[in-house]
Protein backbone atom coordinates (compact mmCIF):
# COMPACT_ATOMS: atom_id res chain seq x y z
CA MET A 1 19.94 4.49 8.37
CA PRO A 2 19.93 2.26 5.77
CA ALA A 3 17.44 2.93 2.79
CA ALA A 4 16.13 -0.72 2.86
CA LEU A 5 15.24 -0.38 6.64
CA LEU A 6 13.74 3.16 6.31
CA MET A 7 11.29 1.81 2.96
CA SER A 8 9.91 -1.32 5.20
CA GLN A 9 9.13 1.15 8.42
CA GLU A 10 7.56 3.31 5.64
CA ARG A 11 5.73 0.68 4.06
CA GLU A 12 4.87 -1.08 7.75
CA ARG A 13 3.27 3.01 8.50
CA LEU A 14 1.65 2.55 5.53
CA LEU A 15 0.10 -0.51 6.30
CA ALA A 16 -1.34 0.72 9.86
CA ARG A 17 -2.53 3.54 8.21
CA LEU A 18 -4.63 1.82 5.19
CA THR A 19 -5.93 -1.19 7.74
CA ALA A 20 -7.30 1.87 9.65
CA ARG A 21 -8.69 3.46 7.02
CA TYR A 22 -10.58 0.78 5.39
CA ALA A 23 -11.83 -1.26 9.11
CA GLY A 24 -14.68 -2.90 8.61
CA ILE A 25 -14.50 -2.16 4.23
CA ARG A 26 -11.55 -4.09 3.55
CA SER A 27 -10.14 -7.28 5.46
CA PRO A 28 -6.71 -6.71 6.85
CA GLU A 29 -5.43 -9.49 4.79
CA ARG A 30 -6.79 -7.25 1.73
CA VAL A 31 -5.02 -4.32 2.53
CA ARG A 32 -1.60 -6.53 2.89
CA GLU A 33 -1.86 -7.65 -0.55
CA VAL A 34 -2.95 -4.39 -1.98
CA VAL A 35 0.15 -2.81 -0.23
CA ASP A 36 2.62 -5.78 -1.03
CA GLU A 37 1.08 -5.52 -4.94
CA VAL A 38 2.08 -2.11 -5.17
CA TYR A 39 5.20 -1.82 -3.87
CA ALA A 40 6.35 -5.17 -5.72
CA ARG A 41 5.66 -2.50 -9.28
CA PHE A 42 7.91 -0.41 -7.44
CA ALA A 43 11.06 -2.80 -6.55
CA GLY A 44 12.68 -1.76 -9.56
CA ALA A 45 12.52 2.18 -9.87
CA ARG A 46 15.96 3.45 -10.05
CA ILE A 47 14.80 6.44 -7.50
CA GLN A 48 13.31 4.99 -4.44
CA THR A 49 12.68 8.55 -2.78
CA TYR A 50 8.91 9.32 -3.89
CA VAL A 51 7.90 5.73 -3.55
CA PRO A 52 6.57 5.65 -0.46
CA VAL A 53 3.89 8.52 -1.72
CA LEU A 54 3.58 6.75 -4.77
CA ALA A 55 2.84 3.49 -2.91
CA GLU A 56 0.06 5.06 -1.13
CA HIS A 57 -1.72 6.81 -3.57
CA ALA A 58 -1.82 3.66 -5.69
CA ALA A 59 -2.85 1.21 -3.04
CA ARG A 60 -5.80 3.90 -1.88
CA GLU A 61 -6.88 3.88 -5.61
CA LEU A 62 -7.34 0.21 -5.86
CA LEU A 63 -8.85 0.04 -2.72
CA ASP A 64 -11.40 2.68 -3.38
CA ASP A 65 -12.14 1.15 -7.02
CA HIS A 66 -12.53 -2.45 -5.70
CA GLY A 67 -15.46 -1.07 -3.73
CA ARG A 68 -16.72 0.72 -6.42
CA ASP A 69 -17.31 -1.86 -9.01
CA GLY A 70 -17.78 -4.86 -6.69
CA GLY A 71 -14.62 -6.42 -6.35
CA ILE A 72 -13.70 -8.49 -3.40
CA PRO A 73 -12.75 -6.86 -0.44
C-alpha cells in the first residue's frame, strides 16, 4: 500500500476517534481543524513512521488545552 494512502487512512481513523472522544465538547469541525493543523506540522518530516502517533498526541493536547484556557471549542 502506498505510504500516502496509508497516511490518509490513519488520519481519517484519528479524526473519527477524536470526533467521538470530544463529542459534545468540541464540534466535529473544530476537531478536523486541529487534526489538519497537526498533520500540517509533520508534512515535511523525513521519517513518517511515527507521524500518526505524534499527531494524535499533539491533537489531544490541543483539544484538551483549549478547554482549560477558555479557548474556543
